Amino acid sequence: MNAEEEVEGYDKGIKIAKLIFMPIFFLTVVGAYFVGNSMGYIEKEYKEANEYSFSGVIYEKKIEGGEGYRLPHCLFLNSGIRWQVSTELYDKMEIGDSVVKKSKSDSVYYYKKEGTIIIEDQNLDLRNRYLEKLKEK
């Protein structure tokens, strides 16, 4: 077999692989889009986030993966929760402050030691997607 025949065989193999895998890839992407935007999926995601609850006192603050604005900023609570927060909130919170997320609530309450309470709407995007889907019905 000479080099030209070898290249032709290789090209045929690539074409066959494209014919097989491109439709599979396309259908997977389209299917994932429809599943991710279905009412059932969005409702399940929102309900899980809404019903999730925890509380604890911050015993450690850590920017995971090094230093930087886009890296995860985490608060570690004495109840075993690792809670990811925005950079702004991370800078405001200190060791010894408390964090509470009540069940059936979209808000997370951050209690500072000096008495200040910071309230964050944790599920805003999920709730808006869920409400938009309800309007479509």
C-alpha atoms as a PDB file:
ATOM      1  CA  MET A   1       0.000   0.000   0.000  1.00  0.00           C
ATOM      2  CA  ASN A   2       1.495   3.307  -1.009  1.00  0.00           C
ATOM      3  CA  ALA A   3       1.164   6.633   0.780  1.00  0.00           C
ATOM      4  CA  GLU A   4      -1.683   7.915  -1.428  1.00  0.00           C
ATOM      5  CA  GLU A   5      -3.819   4.829  -0.783  1.00  0.00           C
ATOM      6  CA  GLU A   6      -3.115   5.144   2.916  1.00  0.00           C
ATOM      7  CA  VAL A   7      -4.252   8.800   2.927  1.00  0.00           C
ATOM      8  CA  GLU A   8      -7.401   7.896   0.951  1.00  0.00           C
ATOM      9  CA  GLY A   9      -8.232   5.145   3.456  1.00  0.00           C
ATOM     10  CA  TYR A  10      -7.683   7.570   6.300  1.00  0.00           C
ATOM     11  CA  ASP A  11      -9.935  10.180   4.624  1.00  0.00           C
ATOM     12  CA  LYS A  12     -12.677   7.587   4.094  1.00  0.00           C
ATOM     13  CA  GLY A  13     -12.488   6.620   7.752  1.00  0.00           C
ATOM     14  CA  ILE A  14     -12.825  10.267   8.803  1.00  0.00           C
ATOM     15  CA  LYS A  15     -15.845  10.734   6.498  1.00  0.00           C
ATOM     16  CA  ILE A  16     -17.551   7.616   7.874  1.00  0.00           C
ATOM     17  CA  ALA A  17     -16.876   8.756  11.451  1.00  0.00           C
ATOM     18  CA  LYS A  18     -18.374  12.170  10.657  1.00  0.00           C
ATOM     19  CA  LEU A  19     -21.459  10.577   9.112  1.00  0.00           C
ATOM     20  CA  ILE A  20     -21.989   8.469  12.226  1.00  0.00           C
ATOM     21  CA  PHE A  21     -21.020  10.836  15.035  1.00  0.00           C
ATOM     22  CA  MET A  22     -22.286  14.198  13.761  1.00  0.00           C
ATOM     23  CA  PRO A  23     -25.977  13.201  13.825  1.00  0.00           C
ATOM     24  CA  ILE A  24     -25.508  11.610  17.257  1.00  0.00           C
ATOM     25  CA  PHE A  25     -23.829  14.766  18.542  1.00  0.00           C
ATOM     26  CA  PHE A  26     -26.521  16.990  17.011  1.00  0.00           C
ATOM     27  CA  LEU A  27     -29.364  14.948  18.507  1.00  0.00           C
ATOM     28  CA  THR A  28     -27.647  14.918  21.905  1.00  0.00           C
ATOM     29  CA  VAL A  29     -27.268  18.703  21.918  1.00  0.00           C
ATOM     30  CA  VAL A  30     -30.871  19.263  20.798  1.00  0.00           C
ATOM     31  CA  GLY A  31     -32.164  16.751  23.353  1.00  0.00           C
ATOM     32  CA  ALA A  32     -30.147  18.336  26.163  1.00  0.00           C
ATOM     33  CA  TYR A  33     -31.540  21.748  25.231  1.00  0.00           C
ATOM     34  CA  PHE A  34     -35.148  20.556  25.369  1.00  0.00           C
ATOM     35  CA  VAL A  35     -34.657  18.621  28.606  1.00  0.00           C
ATOM     36  CA  GLY A  36     -32.876  21.583  30.228  1.00  0.00           C
ATOM     37  CA  ASN A  37     -35.729  23.897  29.274  1.00  0.00           C
ATOM     38  CA  SER A  38     -38.637  21.576  30.037  1.00  0.00           C
ATOM     39  CA  MET A  39     -41.146  22.590  32.677  1.00  0.00           C
ATOM     40  CA  GLY A  40     -40.557  19.420  34.678  1.00  0.00           C
ATOM     41  CA  TYR A  41     -36.791  19.894  34.827  1.00  0.00           C
ATOM     42  CA  ILE A  42     -36.950  23.597  35.724  1.00  0.00           C
ATOM     43  CA  GLU A  43     -39.617  22.969  38.360  1.00  0.00           C
ATOM     44  CA  LYS A  44     -37.570  20.169  39.932  1.00  0.00           C
ATOM     45  CA  GLU A  45     -34.407  22.306  40.025  1.00  0.00           C
ATOM     46  CA  TYR A  46     -36.221  25.260  41.564  1.00  0.00           C
ATOM     47  CA  LYS A  47     -38.097  23.177  44.161  1.00  0.00           C
ATOM     48  CA  GLU A  48     -34.871  21.454  45.245  1.00  0.00           C
ATOM     49  CA  ALA A  49     -33.062  24.780  45.630  1.00  0.00           C
ATOM     50  CA  ASN A  50     -36.044  26.335  47.414  1.00  0.00           C
ATOM     51  CA  GLU A  51     -36.406  23.465  49.902  1.00  0.00           C
ATOM     52  CA  TYR A  52     -32.664  23.195  50.646  1.00  0.00           C
ATOM     53  CA  SER A  53     -31.821  24.471  54.124  1.00  0.00           C
ATOM     54  CA  PHE A  54     -28.720  24.817  56.273  1.00  0.00           C
ATOM     55  CA  SER A  55     -27.185  26.960  58.973  1.00  0.00           C
ATOM     56  CA  GLY A  56     -23.841  27.334  60.615  1.00  0.00           C
ATOM     57  CA  VAL A  57     -21.055  29.540  61.828  1.00  0.00           C
ATOM     58  CA  ILE A  58     -18.151  30.371  59.506  1.00  0.00           C
ATOM     59  CA  TYR A  59     -14.949  28.741  60.713  1.00  0.00           C
ATOM     60  CA  GLU A  60     -12.905  29.137  57.516  1.00  0.00           C
ATOM     61  CA  LYS A  61     -12.859  31.299  54.386  1.00  0.00           C
ATOM     62  CA  LYS A  62     -11.035  30.115  51.296  1.00  0.00           C
ATOM     63  CA  ILE A  63     -10.606  31.059  47.651  1.00  0.00           C
ATOM     64  CA  GLU A  64     -10.307  27.667  46.016  1.00  0.00           C
ATOM     65  CA  GLY A  65      -7.769  27.218  43.252  1.00  0.00           C
ATOM     66  CA  GLY A  66      -5.535  30.136  44.196  1.00  0.00           C
ATOM     67  CA  GLU A  67      -6.212  33.865  44.084  1.00  0.00           C
ATOM     68  CA  GLY A  68      -8.467  35.617  41.654  1.00  0.00           C
ATOM     69  CA  TYR A  69     -11.821  37.242  41.013  1.00  0.00           C
ATOM     70  CA  ARG A  70     -13.394  34.369  39.062  1.00  0.00           C
ATOM     71  CA  LEU A  71     -12.267  31.539  41.328  1.00  0.00           C
ATOM     72  CA  PRO A  72     -14.801  30.076  43.785  1.00  0.00           C
ATOM     73  CA  HIS A  73     -14.978  32.032  47.050  1.00  0.00           C
ATOM     74  CA  CYS A  74     -16.138  29.637  49.757  1.00  0.00           C
ATOM     75  CA  LEU A  75     -17.290  29.894  53.333  1.00  0.00           C
ATOM     76  CA  PHE A  76     -16.906  26.753  55.418  1.00  0.00           C
ATOM     77  CA  LEU A  77     -19.525  26.351  58.126  1.00  0.00           C
ATOM     78  CA  ASN A  78     -19.232  24.372  61.346  1.00  0.00           C
ATOM     79  CA  SER A  79     -22.216  22.268  60.206  1.00  0.00           C
ATOM     80  CA  GLY A  80     -20.108  20.789  57.383  1.00  0.00           C
ATOM     81  CA  ILE A  81     -21.442  23.015  54.605  1.00  0.00           C
ATOM     82  CA  ARG A  82     -19.135  24.500  51.978  1.00  0.00           C
ATOM     83  CA  TRP A  83     -21.026  27.556  50.692  1.00  0.00           C
ATOM     84  CA  GLN A  84     -19.891  29.427  47.587  1.00  0.00           C
ATOM     85  CA  VAL A  85     -20.492  33.193  47.635  1.00  0.00           C
ATOM     86  CA  SER A  86     -19.783  36.250  45.487  1.00  0.00           C
ATOM     87  CA  THR A  87     -16.508  38.128  45.854  1.00  0.00           C
ATOM     88  CA  GLU A  88     -18.285  41.099  47.444  1.00  0.00           C
ATOM     89  CA  LEU A  89     -20.009  38.951  50.057  1.00  0.00           C
ATOM     90  CA  TYR A  90     -16.820  36.984  50.700  1.00  0.00           C
ATOM     91  CA  ASP A  91     -15.017  40.218  51.555  1.00  0.00           C
ATOM     92  CA  LYS A  92     -17.797  41.302  53.955  1.00  0.00           C
ATOM     93  CA  MET A  93     -18.014  38.043  55.922  1.00  0.00           C
ATOM     94  CA  GLU A  94     -15.648  37.105  58.741  1.00  0.00           C
ATOM     95  CA  ILE A  95     -14.842  34.039  60.790  1.00  0.00           C
ATOM     96  CA  GLY A  96     -17.514  33.705  63.492  1.00  0.00           C
ATOM     97  CA  ASP A  97     -20.353  35.200  61.398  1.00  0.00           C
ATOM     98  CA  SER A  98     -23.426  33.010  60.791  1.00  0.00           C
ATOM     99  CA  VAL A  99     -25.168  31.878  57.610  1.00  0.00           C
ATOM    100  CA  VAL A 100     -28.774  30.603  57.500  1.00  0.00           C
ATOM    101  CA  LYS A 101     -30.845  29.301  54.566  1.00  0.00           C
ATOM    102  CA  LYS A 102     -34.368  28.318  55.615  1.00  0.00           C
ATOM    103  CA  SER A 103     -36.436  25.690  53.809  1.00  0.00           C
ATOM    104  CA  LYS A 104     -39.151  27.095  51.505  1.00  0.00           C
ATOM    105  CA  SER A 105     -37.182  30.332  51.178  1.00  0.00           C
ATOM    106  CA  ASP A 106     -35.072  31.738  48.354  1.00  0.00           C
ATOM    107  CA  SER A 107     -33.126  34.003  50.685  1.00  0.00           C
ATOM    108  CA  VAL A 108     -29.879  33.325  52.506  1.00  0.00           C
ATOM    109  CA  TYR A 109     -29.316  35.350  55.680  1.00  0.00           C
ATOM    110  CA  TYR A 110     -25.804  36.367  56.649  1.00  0.00           C
ATOM    111  CA  TYR A 111     -25.590  37.476  60.281  1.00  0.00           C
ATOM    112  CA  LYS A 112     -22.553  39.570  61.150  1.00  0.00           C
ATOM    113  CA  LYS A 113     -21.174  39.430  64.704  1.00  0.00           C
ATOM    114  CA  GLU A 114     -21.837  43.145  65.217  1.00  0.00           C
ATOM    115  CA  GLY A 115     -25.543  42.656  64.428  1.00  0.00           C
ATOM    116  CA  THR A 116     -25.798  43.540  60.728  1.00  0.00           C
ATOM    117  CA  ILE A 117     -27.892  41.191  58.609  1.00  0.00           C
ATOM    118  CA  ILE A 118     -27.202  40.754  54.893  1.00  0.00           C
ATOM    119  CA  ILE A 119     -29.989  39.111  52.877  1.00  0.00           C
ATOM    120  CA  GLU A 120     -29.192  37.569  49.489  1.00  0.00           C
ATOM    121  CA  ASP A 121     -31.775  36.259  47.022  1.00  0.00           C
ATOM    122  CA  GLN A 122     -30.042  32.985  46.232  1.00  0.00           C
ATOM    123  CA  ASN A 123     -32.539  31.502  43.759  1.00  0.00           C
ATOM    124  CA  LEU A 124     -33.391  34.565  41.677  1.00  0.00           C
ATOM    125  CA  ASP A 125     -32.442  33.086  38.295  1.00  0.00           C
ATOM    126  CA  LEU A 126     -34.049  29.696  38.961  1.00  0.00           C
ATOM    127  CA  ARG A 127     -37.215  31.335  40.271  1.00  0.00           C
ATOM    128  CA  ASN A 128     -37.465  33.643  37.227  1.00  0.00           C
ATOM    129  CA  ARG A 129     -37.045  30.700  34.818  1.00  0.00           C
ATOM    130  CA  TYR A 130     -39.685  28.736  36.741  1.00  0.00           C
ATOM    131  CA  LEU A 131     -42.156  31.651  36.743  1.00  0.00           C
ATOM    132  CA  GLU A 132     -41.603  32.227  32.993  1.00  0.00           C
ATOM    133  CA  LYS A 133     -42.410  28.579  32.306  1.00  0.00           C
ATOM    134  CA  LEU A 134     -45.559  28.853  34.420  1.00  0.00           C
ATOM    135  CA  LYS A 135     -46.675  31.858  32.330  1.00  0.00           C
ATOM    136  CA  GLU A 136     -46.173  29.860  29.121  1.00  0.00           C
ATOM    137  CA  LYS A 137     -48.666  27.191  30.236  1.00  0.00           C
END
